[in-house]
Every structure is written in C-alpha cells, then in structure tokens.
Amino acid sequence: MGQDITCLITDKNIELNNDVVHFKVRGFTFIPFNTCCDLGLDEAKDFELLSDYILHLESKDNFENYTYDHDNDHCDLDIFKMIKDHQIENFIIEHHSEWADIPVDYYFMHVTEGKIIKNSIVFDESELSKNNKANVPESKKKFGLTFDWLANTDLFYSYFHANRMYSIQHTK
C-alpha cells in the first residue's frame, strides 16, 4: 500500500474542535480527510468565486446533513462545509495517492481571497487538468507553502496514520 492522503491546508489560524484531526505545521493548519471518492473539483472550474461554488454544492445537497466524523469516510461536501463554517478564504486542497511508489490519483485546488485559481485545478486525466498540474508548484509558492508537506509521512501517509498521530499527540 502507498501513500493516500487528502488535506485542506490553510494559512488561517483557526480553532477546531479536538475531534477534528488537524495539525499546525510551519504557520499552516492541515486538516486531513478520509476521502474515498472523486472530490468533484471539476465543477469548480465553472466558478470564479468560492462562495458561488459553495452555493452550487449546497443546491445539490444540504450541508447541514454533513457533520464531521473522524471515524468515517469524507467527501467533497465535508471539506467545503468546513471551509464555509470557518470562513476560510485562502486554502489549498491537495490529494495524493500512490501504489508501490507509482502515482495513482492527484487532485489540487487553490483559492485565494475567495477566488478560485482556475489554472490550479487538477481533477482527472483530461488535457486541461494535466496542463494545470504544471501550475501546482507556482500555486503552492504563491500560497507560501514552500515545503513538501507530502514528504512528512509520519503525519501525512494516510488519514489513518494522521488520525493515530493526532490521537497520540493529544493523549500526552
């Protein structure tokens, strides 16, 4: 089995409940999610503003039906409900999975000041999305994320590893 992790990363110093798995690393808040499905980021390319995209997501399903549960699988609505609930306007969502050191899935989205950075959205193997993957390093740099968080496999190997490390840190 290889690395398989999805994280919401923000530069906003937010206070989260202790039941929400999260880490503060180098001035960023990392919130891992246990995603088991496509994040649906392809729809985001049709929106300029995060608020409009969230309204679109809410029109498909009521956000109030999604309460964070660190023991269950998460989907895109869990992530965007957290973004809405905590009024996060600067963030990155990044998903990386691999099998035997071979990349399998990769998703990425960058939002700054509530504006969706369209050339950052990576959601599948289409030409548009593949071309956008070349923009990811620049998006991370503009966001201030100048270190490879995915290399910190002690915390970010998988959601289950993150959950275990979070539990260990909070029992000390």
Protein backbone atom coordinates (compact mmCIF):
# COMPACT_ATOMS: atom_id res chain seq x y z
CA MET A 1 0.00 0.00 0.00
CA GLY A 2 1.21 3.51 -0.79
CA GLN A 3 0.58 7.00 0.45
CA ASP A 4 -3.07 8.08 0.21
CA ILE A 5 -3.90 11.44 1.77
CA THR A 6 -6.22 14.40 1.23
CA CYS A 7 -5.63 17.65 3.09
CA LEU A 8 -7.26 21.02 3.40
CA ILE A 9 -4.38 23.42 4.04
CA THR A 10 -4.95 27.00 5.17
CA ASP A 11 -2.80 29.84 6.39
CA LYS A 12 -5.69 30.94 8.63
CA ASN A 13 -5.18 30.22 12.30
CA ILE A 14 -8.48 28.52 13.05
CA GLU A 15 -9.58 26.88 16.24
CA LEU A 16 -11.05 23.46 15.62
CA ASN A 17 -12.75 21.04 17.98
CA ASN A 18 -10.50 18.36 19.42
CA ASP A 19 -12.44 15.71 17.50
CA VAL A 20 -11.25 17.23 14.18
CA VAL A 21 -7.92 15.71 13.14
CA HIS A 22 -5.62 18.65 12.38
CA PHE A 23 -2.04 19.78 12.71
CA LYS A 24 -0.32 23.15 12.88
CA VAL A 25 2.86 22.97 10.81
CA ARG A 26 5.04 25.99 9.94
CA GLY A 27 2.21 28.50 10.23
CA PHE A 28 -0.33 26.42 8.33
CA THR A 29 -3.31 24.41 9.55
CA PHE A 30 -3.51 20.98 7.90
CA ILE A 31 -6.84 19.16 8.09
CA PRO A 32 -6.62 15.62 6.69
CA PHE A 33 -9.73 13.97 5.31
CA ASN A 34 -10.51 10.32 4.70
CA THR A 35 -11.71 10.64 1.12
CA CYS A 36 -12.71 7.53 -0.74
CA CYS A 37 -14.14 9.12 -3.86
CA ASP A 38 -13.51 11.68 -6.54
CA LEU A 39 -13.50 15.13 -4.95
CA GLY A 40 -15.64 16.59 -7.73
CA LEU A 41 -13.27 19.51 -8.23
CA ASP A 42 -14.00 19.52 -11.97
CA GLU A 43 -17.18 21.52 -11.26
CA ALA A 44 -15.15 24.26 -9.56
CA LYS A 45 -13.63 25.24 -12.91
CA ASP A 46 -17.01 26.75 -13.85
CA PHE A 47 -16.96 29.27 -10.97
CA GLU A 48 -14.93 32.41 -10.30
CA LEU A 49 -15.83 32.77 -6.62
CA LEU A 50 -15.66 30.21 -3.85
CA SER A 51 -18.97 31.48 -2.43
CA ASP A 52 -20.74 30.71 -5.73
CA TYR A 53 -19.21 27.24 -5.87
CA ILE A 54 -20.32 26.54 -2.30
CA LEU A 55 -23.86 27.71 -3.15
CA HIS A 56 -23.79 25.29 -6.09
CA LEU A 57 -22.70 22.43 -3.82
CA GLU A 58 -25.40 23.34 -1.29
CA SER A 59 -28.03 23.30 -4.04
CA LYS A 60 -27.14 19.66 -4.69
CA ASP A 61 -27.16 18.55 -1.05
CA ASN A 62 -27.86 20.25 2.26
CA PHE A 63 -24.61 20.98 4.11
CA GLU A 64 -26.40 20.50 7.41
CA ASN A 65 -26.53 16.77 6.64
CA TYR A 66 -22.74 16.68 6.90
CA THR A 67 -21.34 16.64 10.39
CA TYR A 68 -17.64 15.92 10.72
CA ASP A 69 -16.98 12.41 11.99
CA HIS A 70 -13.32 11.50 12.22
CA ASP A 71 -14.12 7.77 12.09
CA ASN A 72 -16.00 7.77 8.77
CA ASP A 73 -15.25 8.47 5.13
CA HIS A 74 -15.40 12.06 3.95
CA CYS A 75 -16.40 13.60 0.64
CA ASP A 76 -16.08 16.99 -1.02
CA LEU A 77 -19.11 18.30 0.89
CA ASP A 78 -17.41 17.60 4.23
CA ILE A 79 -14.40 19.63 3.11
CA PHE A 80 -16.40 22.56 1.74
CA LYS A 81 -18.73 22.60 4.75
CA MET A 82 -15.66 23.03 6.96
CA ILE A 83 -14.43 25.82 4.67
CA LYS A 84 -17.81 27.55 4.91
CA ASP A 85 -18.25 27.03 8.65
CA HIS A 86 -14.81 28.50 9.41
CA GLN A 87 -14.96 31.20 6.71
CA ILE A 88 -11.71 30.04 5.12
CA GLU A 89 -10.95 32.10 2.01
CA ASN A 90 -7.29 31.16 1.45
CA PHE A 91 -6.55 27.48 1.10
CA ILE A 92 -5.28 24.58 -0.89
CA ILE A 93 -6.93 21.19 -1.20
CA GLU A 94 -4.47 18.53 -2.24
CA HIS A 95 -4.99 14.81 -2.66
CA HIS A 96 -2.18 12.40 -3.48
CA SER A 97 -2.37 8.64 -3.71
CA GLU A 98 0.09 6.09 -4.96
CA TRP A 99 0.55 2.37 -5.16
CA ALA A 100 4.06 0.88 -4.96
CA ASP A 101 5.52 4.40 -5.39
CA ILE A 102 3.54 4.89 -8.61
CA PRO A 103 1.13 7.88 -8.53
CA VAL A 104 -2.49 6.82 -8.93
CA ASP A 105 -4.69 9.86 -8.23
CA TYR A 106 -3.93 13.53 -7.80
CA TYR A 107 -6.36 16.40 -7.13
CA PHE A 108 -5.50 20.01 -6.39
CA MET A 109 -7.31 23.31 -5.93
CA HIS A 110 -6.07 26.72 -4.80
CA VAL A 111 -8.31 29.53 -3.56
CA THR A 112 -7.03 32.95 -2.58
CA GLU A 113 -9.18 35.71 -1.08
CA GLY A 114 -12.28 33.74 -2.00
CA LYS A 115 -11.32 33.50 -5.69
CA ILE A 116 -10.84 30.12 -7.32
CA ILE A 117 -7.49 29.94 -9.12
CA LYS A 118 -8.75 28.10 -12.17
CA ASN A 119 -5.36 27.21 -13.63
CA SER A 120 -4.56 25.35 -10.40
CA ILE A 121 -7.45 22.88 -10.55
CA VAL A 122 -6.33 19.30 -11.16
CA PHE A 123 -9.16 16.77 -11.15
CA ASP A 124 -8.59 13.98 -13.67
CA GLU A 125 -6.51 12.90 -16.63
CA SER A 126 -8.04 15.31 -19.17
CA GLU A 127 -5.71 17.58 -21.14
CA LEU A 128 -6.89 20.69 -19.27
CA SER A 129 -6.29 19.08 -15.93
CA LYS A 130 -2.91 17.64 -16.98
CA ASN A 131 -1.81 21.09 -18.16
CA ASN A 132 -2.91 22.60 -14.86
CA LYS A 133 -0.75 20.15 -12.92
CA ALA A 134 2.28 22.07 -14.20
CA ASN A 135 0.91 25.14 -12.34
CA VAL A 136 0.76 23.42 -8.94
CA PRO A 137 4.30 24.34 -7.79
CA GLU A 138 3.67 28.01 -8.60
CA SER A 139 0.31 27.93 -6.78
CA LYS A 140 1.97 26.46 -3.70
CA LYS A 141 4.70 29.09 -3.85
CA LYS A 142 2.17 31.95 -4.12
CA PHE A 143 0.29 30.45 -1.18
CA GLY A 144 3.53 30.40 0.84
CA LEU A 145 3.71 26.63 1.07
CA THR A 146 7.42 26.32 0.37
CA PHE A 147 7.98 22.86 1.83
CA ASP A 148 6.88 19.42 0.68
CA TRP A 149 4.23 18.52 3.23
CA LEU A 150 3.65 15.19 1.50
CA ALA A 151 7.20 14.17 2.46
CA ASN A 152 6.15 14.26 6.14
CA THR A 153 4.81 10.73 6.02
CA ASP A 154 4.80 10.44 9.83
CA LEU A 155 1.77 12.74 9.77
CA PHE A 156 0.53 12.53 6.21
CA TYR A 157 0.94 8.99 4.93
CA SER A 158 -2.79 8.33 5.10
CA TYR A 159 -5.78 9.60 7.01
CA PHE A 160 -5.49 6.65 9.38
CA HIS A 161 -1.84 7.49 10.15
CA ALA A 162 -2.80 11.13 10.68
CA ASN A 163 -5.66 10.15 12.97
CA ARG A 164 -3.37 7.89 15.01
CA MET A 165 -0.66 10.57 15.31
CA TYR A 166 -3.25 13.15 16.27
CA SER A 167 -4.60 10.84 18.98
CA ILE A 168 -1.10 10.17 20.31
CA GLN A 169 -0.29 13.89 20.42
CA HIS A 170 -3.49 14.66 22.31
CA THR A 171 -3.09 11.94 24.92
CA LYS A 172 0.26 13.30 26.10
